[in-house]
Amino acid sequence: MTSRDPRELDAQVSEYTYEQARTQLVDIVARLEQGNIPLEEALELWELGEALARRCQTWLNGARERLAQAQEHTRETLADETSEK
């Protein structure tokens, strides 16, 4: 049984967009749910799925940060406008 290094898998998916990672993750989940693949292949898919899930989470964390920054900017702008009146 050959386990792949998670860092290697992370590097493999590091350039994926959120949509690419999510689509591939959904495909992997569907294949695993079918249950008719050899154990070794299932483990490899699981490991890749974990890397894809981490990639998706990285994108989502970045999106949350961007939204928080935009909301903070809006609050500051509104506060400035209110104090100028």
PDB file of N, CA and C in Angstrom:
ATOM      1  N   MET A   1       0.848  -1.174   0.000  1.00  0.00           N
ATOM      2  CA  MET A   1       0.000   0.000   0.000  1.00  0.00           C
ATOM      3  C   MET A   1       0.898   1.243   0.000  1.00  0.00           C
ATOM      4  N   THR A   2       0.617   2.176  -0.880  1.00  0.00           N
ATOM      5  CA  THR A   2       1.421   3.379  -1.008  1.00  0.00           C
ATOM      6  C   THR A   2       0.604   4.591  -0.599  1.00  0.00           C
ATOM      7  N   SER A   3       1.037   5.238   0.463  1.00  0.00           N
ATOM      8  CA  SER A   3       0.380   6.464   0.909  1.00  0.00           C
ATOM      9  C   SER A   3       1.097   7.647   0.284  1.00  0.00           C
ATOM     10  N   ARG A   4       0.324   8.589  -0.225  1.00  0.00           N
ATOM     11  CA  ARG A   4       0.945   9.773  -0.825  1.00  0.00           C
ATOM     12  C   ARG A   4       1.086  10.861   0.217  1.00  0.00           C
ATOM     13  N   ASP A   5       2.171  11.577   0.147  1.00  0.00           N
ATOM     14  CA  ASP A   5       2.462  12.661   1.073  1.00  0.00           C
ATOM     15  C   ASP A   5       1.414  13.767   0.888  1.00  0.00           C
ATOM     16  N   PRO A   6       0.739  14.158   1.974  1.00  0.00           N
ATOM     17  CA  PRO A   6      -0.267  15.229   1.855  1.00  0.00           C
ATOM     18  C   PRO A   6       0.298  16.518   1.261  1.00  0.00           C
ATOM     19  N   ARG A   7       1.553  16.816   1.543  1.00  0.00           N
ATOM     20  CA  ARG A   7       2.163  18.039   0.964  1.00  0.00           C
ATOM     21  C   ARG A   7       2.280  17.922  -0.544  1.00  0.00           C
ATOM     22  N   GLU A   8       2.580  16.723  -1.016  1.00  0.00           N
ATOM     23  CA  GLU A   8       2.661  16.482  -2.453  1.00  0.00           C
ATOM     24  C   GLU A   8       1.286  16.660  -3.106  1.00  0.00           C
ATOM     25  N   LEU A   9       0.280  16.133  -2.460  1.00  0.00           N
ATOM     26  CA  LEU A   9      -1.079  16.285  -2.974  1.00  0.00           C
ATOM     27  C   LEU A   9      -1.529  17.742  -2.922  1.00  0.00           C
ATOM     28  N   ASP A  10      -1.184  18.443  -1.833  1.00  0.00           N
ATOM     29  CA  ASP A  10      -1.529  19.864  -1.742  1.00  0.00           C
ATOM     30  C   ASP A  10      -0.874  20.647  -2.878  1.00  0.00           C
ATOM     31  N   ALA A  11       0.377  20.318  -3.186  1.00  0.00           N
ATOM     32  CA  ALA A  11       1.072  20.992  -4.283  1.00  0.00           C
ATOM     33  C   ALA A  11       0.397  20.680  -5.618  1.00  0.00           C
ATOM     34  N   GLN A  12      -0.069  19.447  -5.762  1.00  0.00           N
ATOM     35  CA  GLN A  12      -0.736  19.026  -6.998  1.00  0.00           C
ATOM     36  C   GLN A  12      -2.002  19.834  -7.255  1.00  0.00           C
ATOM     37  N   VAL A  13      -2.716  20.210  -6.210  1.00  0.00           N
ATOM     38  CA  VAL A  13      -3.990  20.928  -6.389  1.00  0.00           C
ATOM     39  C   VAL A  13      -3.878  22.421  -6.075  1.00  0.00           C
ATOM     40  N   SER A  14      -2.692  22.893  -5.820  1.00  0.00           N
ATOM     41  CA  SER A  14      -2.498  24.276  -5.346  1.00  0.00           C
ATOM     42  C   SER A  14      -2.924  25.344  -6.349  1.00  0.00           C
ATOM     43  N   GLU A  15      -2.955  25.021  -7.606  1.00  0.00           N
ATOM     44  CA  GLU A  15      -3.325  26.009  -8.623  1.00  0.00           C
ATOM     45  C   GLU A  15      -4.805  25.916  -9.012  1.00  0.00           C
ATOM     46  N   TYR A  16      -5.539  24.981  -8.421  1.00  0.00           N
ATOM     47  CA  TYR A  16      -6.949  24.816  -8.767  1.00  0.00           C
ATOM     48  C   TYR A  16      -7.764  25.997  -8.266  1.00  0.00           C
ATOM     49  N   THR A  17      -8.722  26.404  -9.065  1.00  0.00           N
ATOM     50  CA  THR A  17      -9.701  27.374  -8.592  1.00  0.00           C
ATOM     51  C   THR A  17     -10.624  26.646  -7.622  1.00  0.00           C
ATOM     52  N   TYR A  18     -11.441  27.407  -6.911  1.00  0.00           N
ATOM     53  CA  TYR A  18     -12.401  26.796  -6.007  1.00  0.00           C
ATOM     54  C   TYR A  18     -13.316  25.843  -6.784  1.00  0.00           C
ATOM     55  N   GLU A  19     -13.789  26.306  -7.927  1.00  0.00           N
ATOM     56  CA  GLU A  19     -14.726  25.518  -8.717  1.00  0.00           C
ATOM     57  C   GLU A  19     -14.088  24.228  -9.218  1.00  0.00           C
ATOM     58  N   GLN A  20     -12.833  24.309  -9.653  1.00  0.00           N
ATOM     59  CA  GLN A  20     -12.145  23.105 -10.126  1.00  0.00           C
ATOM     60  C   GLN A  20     -11.975  22.091  -8.990  1.00  0.00           C
ATOM     61  N   ALA A  21     -11.543  22.571  -7.843  1.00  0.00           N
ATOM     62  CA  ALA A  21     -11.336  21.683  -6.700  1.00  0.00           C
ATOM     63  C   ALA A  21     -12.657  21.066  -6.248  1.00  0.00           C
ATOM     64  N   ARG A  22     -13.680  21.877  -6.181  1.00  0.00           N
ATOM     65  CA  ARG A  22     -14.983  21.380  -5.726  1.00  0.00           C
ATOM     66  C   ARG A  22     -15.565  20.351  -6.695  1.00  0.00           C
ATOM     67  N   THR A  23     -15.460  20.625  -7.983  1.00  0.00           N
ATOM     68  CA  THR A  23     -15.978  19.697  -8.990  1.00  0.00           C
ATOM     69  C   THR A  23     -15.266  18.355  -8.900  1.00  0.00           C
ATOM     70  N   GLN A  24     -13.951  18.394  -8.790  1.00  0.00           N
ATOM     71  CA  GLN A  24     -13.197  17.147  -8.700  1.00  0.00           C
ATOM     72  C   GLN A  24     -13.515  16.420  -7.384  1.00  0.00           C
ATOM     73  N   LEU A  25     -13.692  17.170  -6.312  1.00  0.00           N
ATOM     74  CA  LEU A  25     -14.049  16.563  -5.028  1.00  0.00           C
ATOM     75  C   LEU A  25     -15.416  15.878  -5.107  1.00  0.00           C
ATOM     76  N   VAL A  26     -16.375  16.530  -5.730  1.00  0.00           N
ATOM     77  CA  VAL A  26     -17.710  15.938  -5.891  1.00  0.00           C
ATOM     78  C   VAL A  26     -17.613  14.645  -6.703  1.00  0.00           C
ATOM     79  N   ASP A  27     -16.799  14.651  -7.750  1.00  0.00           N
ATOM     80  CA  ASP A  27     -16.619  13.447  -8.566  1.00  0.00           C
ATOM     81  C   ASP A  27     -16.012  12.309  -7.748  1.00  0.00           C
ATOM     82  N   ILE A  28     -15.028  12.637  -6.920  1.00  0.00           N
ATOM     83  CA  ILE A  28     -14.384  11.622  -6.083  1.00  0.00           C
ATOM     84  C   ILE A  28     -15.376  11.041  -5.084  1.00  0.00           C
ATOM     85  N   VAL A  29     -16.151  11.900  -4.460  1.00  0.00           N
ATOM     86  CA  VAL A  29     -17.151  11.421  -3.493  1.00  0.00           C
ATOM     87  C   VAL A  29     -18.135  10.475  -4.184  1.00  0.00           C
ATOM     88  N   ALA A  30     -18.576  10.817  -5.368  1.00  0.00           N
ATOM     89  CA  ALA A  30     -19.513   9.966  -6.106  1.00  0.00           C
ATOM     90  C   ALA A  30     -18.885   8.601  -6.394  1.00  0.00           C
ATOM     91  N   ARG A  31     -17.628   8.611  -6.807  1.00  0.00           N
ATOM     92  CA  ARG A  31     -16.948   7.332  -7.089  1.00  0.00           C
ATOM     93  C   ARG A  31     -16.811   6.501  -5.826  1.00  0.00           C
ATOM     94  N   LEU A  32     -16.452   7.145  -4.724  1.00  0.00           N
ATOM     95  CA  LEU A  32     -16.296   6.407  -3.467  1.00  0.00           C
ATOM     96  C   LEU A  32     -17.633   5.856  -2.979  1.00  0.00           C
ATOM     97  N   GLU A  33     -18.687   6.606  -3.175  1.00  0.00           N
ATOM     98  CA  GLU A  33     -20.010   6.163  -2.732  1.00  0.00           C
ATOM     99  C   GLU A  33     -20.509   4.958  -3.524  1.00  0.00           C
ATOM    100  N   GLN A  34     -20.044   4.809  -4.755  1.00  0.00           N
ATOM    101  CA  GLN A  34     -20.442   3.651  -5.553  1.00  0.00           C
ATOM    102  C   GLN A  34     -19.939   2.358  -4.916  1.00  0.00           C
ATOM    103  N   GLY A  35     -18.749   2.433  -4.302  1.00  0.00           N
ATOM    104  CA  GLY A  35     -18.218   1.308  -3.563  1.00  0.00           C
ATOM    105  C   GLY A  35     -17.720   0.137  -4.379  1.00  0.00           C
ATOM    106  N   ASN A  36     -17.588   0.281  -5.666  1.00  0.00           N
ATOM    107  CA  ASN A  36     -17.136  -0.843  -6.484  1.00  0.00           C
ATOM    108  C   ASN A  36     -15.737  -0.629  -7.055  1.00  0.00           C
ATOM    109  N   ILE A  37     -14.867  -0.021  -6.264  1.00  0.00           N
ATOM    110  CA  ILE A  37     -13.483   0.181  -6.689  1.00  0.00           C
ATOM    111  C   ILE A  37     -12.566  -0.531  -5.697  1.00  0.00           C
ATOM    112  N   PRO A  38     -11.401  -0.938  -6.160  1.00  0.00           N
ATOM    113  CA  PRO A  38     -10.460  -1.616  -5.269  1.00  0.00           C
ATOM    114  C   PRO A  38     -10.058  -0.723  -4.093  1.00  0.00           C
ATOM    115  N   LEU A  39      -9.733  -1.352  -2.983  1.00  0.00           N
ATOM    116  CA  LEU A  39      -9.397  -0.632  -1.763  1.00  0.00           C
ATOM    117  C   LEU A  39      -8.257   0.355  -1.976  1.00  0.00           C
ATOM    118  N   GLU A  40      -7.198  -0.052  -2.649  1.00  0.00           N
ATOM    119  CA  GLU A  40      -6.049   0.831  -2.864  1.00  0.00           C
ATOM    120  C   GLU A  40      -6.456   2.086  -3.627  1.00  0.00           C
ATOM    121  N   GLU A  41      -7.259   1.905  -4.665  1.00  0.00           N
ATOM    122  CA  GLU A  41      -7.736   3.057  -5.444  1.00  0.00           C
ATOM    123  C   GLU A  41      -8.629   3.950  -4.583  1.00  0.00           C
ATOM    124  N   ALA A  42      -9.466   3.340  -3.759  1.00  0.00           N
ATOM    125  CA  ALA A  42     -10.337   4.110  -2.868  1.00  0.00           C
ATOM    126  C   ALA A  42      -9.509   4.945  -1.893  1.00  0.00           C
ATOM    127  N   LEU A  43      -8.444   4.365  -1.364  1.00  0.00           N
ATOM    128  CA  LEU A  43      -7.574   5.117  -0.443  1.00  0.00           C
ATOM    129  C   LEU A  43      -6.890   6.284  -1.146  1.00  0.00           C
ATOM    130  N   GLU A  44      -6.423   6.043  -2.356  1.00  0.00           N
ATOM    131  CA  GLU A  44      -5.780   7.116  -3.120  1.00  0.00           C
ATOM    132  C   GLU A  44      -6.769   8.236  -3.422  1.00  0.00           C
ATOM    133  N   LEU A  45      -7.989   7.857  -3.782  1.00  0.00           N
ATOM    134  CA  LEU A  45      -9.017   8.872  -4.032  1.00  0.00           C
ATOM    135  C   LEU A  45      -9.342   9.641  -2.758  1.00  0.00           C
ATOM    136  N   TRP A  46      -9.414   8.931  -1.644  1.00  0.00           N
ATOM    137  CA  TRP A  46      -9.691   9.580  -0.358  1.00  0.00           C
ATOM    138  C   TRP A  46      -8.605  10.610  -0.044  1.00  0.00           C
ATOM    139  N   GLU A  47      -7.350  10.221  -0.221  1.00  0.00           N
ATOM    140  CA  GLU A  47      -6.243  11.138   0.058  1.00  0.00           C
ATOM    141  C   GLU A  47      -6.314  12.369  -0.846  1.00  0.00           C
ATOM    142  N   LEU A  48      -6.595  12.154  -2.118  1.00  0.00           N
ATOM    143  CA  LEU A  48      -6.731  13.285  -3.037  1.00  0.00           C
ATOM    144  C   LEU A  48      -7.929  14.136  -2.638  1.00  0.00           C
ATOM    145  N   GLY A  49      -9.012  13.491  -2.243  1.00  0.00           N
ATOM    146  CA  GLY A  49     -10.188  14.224  -1.787  1.00  0.00           C
ATOM    147  C   GLY A  49      -9.879  15.108  -0.595  1.00  0.00           C
ATOM    148  N   GLU A  50      -9.082  14.614   0.327  1.00  0.00           N
ATOM    149  CA  GLU A  50      -8.677  15.427   1.482  1.00  0.00           C
ATOM    150  C   GLU A  50      -7.907  16.667   1.028  1.00  0.00           C
ATOM    151  N   ALA A  51      -7.007  16.503   0.070  1.00  0.00           N
ATOM    152  CA  ALA A  51      -6.248  17.648  -0.454  1.00  0.00           C
ATOM    153  C   ALA A  51      -7.183  18.637  -1.140  1.00  0.00           C
ATOM    154  N   LEU A  52      -8.136  18.128  -1.887  1.00  0.00           N
ATOM    155  CA  LEU A  52      -9.100  19.005  -2.557  1.00  0.00           C
ATOM    156  C   LEU A  52      -9.966  19.745  -1.542  1.00  0.00           C
ATOM    157  N   ALA A  53     -10.350  19.059  -0.485  1.00  0.00           N
ATOM    158  CA  ALA A  53     -11.150  19.705   0.568  1.00  0.00           C
ATOM    159  C   ALA A  53     -10.335  20.816   1.234  1.00  0.00           C
ATOM    160  N   ARG A  54      -9.052  20.563   1.470  1.00  0.00           N
ATOM    161  CA  ARG A  54      -8.202  21.619   2.052  1.00  0.00           C
ATOM    162  C   ARG A  54      -8.103  22.808   1.108  1.00  0.00           C
ATOM    163  N   ARG A  55      -7.992  22.537  -0.196  1.00  0.00           N
ATOM    164  CA  ARG A  55      -7.911  23.617  -1.188  1.00  0.00           C
ATOM    165  C   ARG A  55      -9.198  24.438  -1.177  1.00  0.00           C
ATOM    166  N   CYS A  56     -10.331  23.757  -1.146  1.00  0.00           N
ATOM    167  CA  CYS A  56     -11.611  24.463  -1.087  1.00  0.00           C
ATOM    168  C   CYS A  56     -11.692  25.311   0.178  1.00  0.00           C
ATOM    169  N   GLN A  57     -11.263  24.752   1.298  1.00  0.00           N
ATOM    170  CA  GLN A  57     -11.314  25.490   2.561  1.00  0.00           C
ATOM    171  C   GLN A  57     -10.423  26.727   2.513  1.00  0.00           C
ATOM    172  N   THR A  58      -9.268  26.609   1.873  1.00  0.00           N
ATOM    173  CA  THR A  58      -8.375  27.768   1.718  1.00  0.00           C
ATOM    174  C   THR A  58      -9.078  28.874   0.940  1.00  0.00           C
ATOM    175  N   TRP A  59      -9.739  28.505  -0.155  1.00  0.00           N
ATOM    176  CA  TRP A  59     -10.487  29.488  -0.940  1.00  0.00           C
ATOM    177  C   TRP A  59     -11.597  30.124  -0.116  1.00  0.00           C
ATOM    178  N   LEU A  60     -12.338  29.308   0.625  1.00  0.00           N
ATOM    179  CA  LEU A  60     -13.441  29.835   1.426  1.00  0.00           C
ATOM    180  C   LEU A  60     -12.940  30.752   2.538  1.00  0.00           C
ATOM    181  N   ASN A  61     -11.825  30.388   3.157  1.00  0.00           N
ATOM    182  CA  ASN A  61     -11.241  31.257   4.186  1.00  0.00           C
ATOM    183  C   ASN A  61     -10.844  32.604   3.590  1.00  0.00           C
ATOM    184  N   GLY A  62     -10.256  32.585   2.403  1.00  0.00           N
ATOM    185  CA  GLY A  62      -9.890  33.824   1.728  1.00  0.00           C
ATOM    186  C   GLY A  62     -11.103  34.667   1.379  1.00  0.00           C
ATOM    187  N   ALA A  63     -12.163  34.007   0.941  1.00  0.00           N
ATOM    188  CA  ALA A  63     -13.393  34.733   0.604  1.00  0.00           C
ATOM    189  C   ALA A  63     -13.991  35.383   1.845  1.00  0.00           C
ATOM    190  N   ARG A  64     -13.993  34.652   2.959  1.00  0.00           N
ATOM    191  CA  ARG A  64     -14.520  35.225   4.215  1.00  0.00           C
ATOM    192  C   ARG A  64     -13.704  36.452   4.634  1.00  0.00           C
ATOM    193  N   GLU A  65     -12.407  36.357   4.484  1.00  0.00           N
ATOM    194  CA  GLU A  65     -11.539  37.486   4.848  1.00  0.00           C
ATOM    195  C   GLU A  65     -11.825  38.694   3.960  1.00  0.00           C
ATOM    196  N   ARG A  66     -11.979  38.466   2.667  1.00  0.00           N
ATOM    197  CA  ARG A  66     -12.291  39.571   1.750  1.00  0.00           C
ATOM    198  C   ARG A  66     -13.626  40.216   2.096  1.00  0.00           C
ATOM    199  N   LEU A  67     -14.609  39.397   2.423  1.00  0.00           N
ATOM    200  CA  LEU A  67     -15.915  39.944   2.793  1.00  0.00           C
ATOM    201  C   LEU A  67     -15.821  40.744   4.088  1.00  0.00           C
ATOM    202  N   ALA A  68     -15.077  40.235   5.042  1.00  0.00           N
ATOM    203  CA  ALA A  68     -14.916  40.952   6.308  1.00  0.00           C
ATOM    204  C   ALA A  68     -14.229  42.298   6.075  1.00  0.00           C
ATOM    205  N   GLN A  69     -13.237  42.333   5.212  1.00  0.00           N
ATOM    206  CA  GLN A  69     -12.549  43.590   4.902  1.00  0.00           C
ATOM    207  C   GLN A  69     -13.490  44.569   4.207  1.00  0.00           C
ATOM    208  N   ALA A  70     -14.304  44.070   3.288  1.00  0.00           N
ATOM    209  CA  ALA A  70     -15.250  44.942   2.589  1.00  0.00           C
ATOM    210  C   ALA A  70     -16.283  45.499   3.558  1.00  0.00           C
ATOM    211  N   GLN A  71     -16.759  44.662   4.469  1.00  0.00           N
ATOM    212  CA  GLN A  71     -17.738  45.123   5.456  1.00  0.00           C
ATOM    213  C   GLN A  71     -17.118  46.163   6.379  1.00  0.00           C
ATOM    214  N   GLU A  72     -15.889  45.936   6.789  1.00  0.00           N
ATOM    215  CA  GLU A  72     -15.206  46.900   7.658  1.00  0.00           C
ATOM    216  C   GLU A  72     -15.032  48.236   6.933  1.00  0.00           C
ATOM    217  N   HIS A  73     -14.656  48.168   5.672  1.00  0.00           N
ATOM    218  CA  HIS A  73     -14.494  49.404   4.893  1.00  0.00           C
ATOM    219  C   HIS A  73     -15.829  50.149   4.802  1.00  0.00           C
ATOM    220  N   THR A  74     -16.906  49.438   4.574  1.00  0.00           N
ATOM    221  CA  THR A  74     -18.230  50.060   4.499  1.00  0.00           C
ATOM    222  C   THR A  74     -18.585  50.720   5.830  1.00  0.00           C
ATOM    223  N   ARG A  75     -18.355  50.007   6.940  1.00  0.00           N
ATOM    224  CA  ARG A  75     -18.643  50.587   8.260  1.00  0.00           C
ATOM    225  C   ARG A  75     -17.829  51.860   8.496  1.00  0.00           C
ATOM    226  N   GLU A  76     -16.553  51.818   8.139  1.00  0.00           N
ATOM    227  CA  GLU A  76     -15.702  53.002   8.326  1.00  0.00           C
ATOM    228  C   GLU A  76     -16.179  54.159   7.463  1.00  0.00           C
ATOM    229  N   THR A  77     -16.538  53.870   6.225  1.00  0.00           N
ATOM    230  CA  THR A  77     -17.012  54.917   5.314  1.00  0.00           C
ATOM    231  C   THR A  77     -18.299  55.542   5.842  1.00  0.00           C
ATOM    232  N   LEU A  78     -19.220  54.713   6.291  1.00  0.00           N
ATOM    233  CA  LEU A  78     -20.472  55.227   6.831  1.00  0.00           C
ATOM    234  C   LEU A  78     -20.241  56.025   8.109  1.00  0.00           C
ATOM    235  N   ALA A  79     -19.333  55.571   8.955  1.00  0.00           N
ATOM    236  CA  ALA A  79     -19.020  56.295  10.191  1.00  0.00           C
ATOM    237  C   ALA A  79     -18.415  57.660   9.866  1.00  0.00           C
ATOM    238  N   ASP A  80     -17.529  57.699   8.868  1.00  0.00           N
ATOM    239  CA  ASP A  80     -16.918  58.965   8.460  1.00  0.00           C
ATOM    240  C   ASP A  80     -17.966  59.934   7.923  1.00  0.00           C
ATOM    241  N   GLU A  81     -18.883  59.413   7.108  1.00  0.00           N
ATOM    242  CA  GLU A  81     -19.935  60.256   6.544  1.00  0.00           C
ATOM    243  C   GLU A  81     -20.857  60.787   7.629  1.00  0.00           C
ATOM    244  N   THR A  82     -21.145  59.970   8.613  1.00  0.00           N
ATOM    245  CA  THR A  82     -22.025  60.377   9.714  1.00  0.00           C
ATOM    246  C   THR A  82     -21.350  61.438  10.575  1.00  0.00           C
ATOM    247  N   SER A  83     -20.046  61.289  10.810  1.00  0.00           N
ATOM    248  CA  SER A  83     -19.348  62.249  11.662  1.00  0.00           C
ATOM    249  C   SER A  83     -19.115  63.578  10.952  1.00  0.00           C
ATOM    250  N   GLU A  84     -19.162  63.598   9.631  1.00  0.00           N
ATOM    251  CA  GLU A  84     -18.960  64.840   8.866  1.00  0.00           C
ATOM    252  C   GLU A  84     -20.225  65.691   8.839  1.00  0.00           C
ATOM    253  N   LYS A  85     -21.347  65.119   9.183  1.00  0.00           N
ATOM    254  CA  LYS A  85     -22.615  65.870   9.110  1.00  0.00           C
ATOM    255  C   LYS A  85     -22.829  66.718  10.314  1.00  0.00           C
TER     256      LYS A  85
END
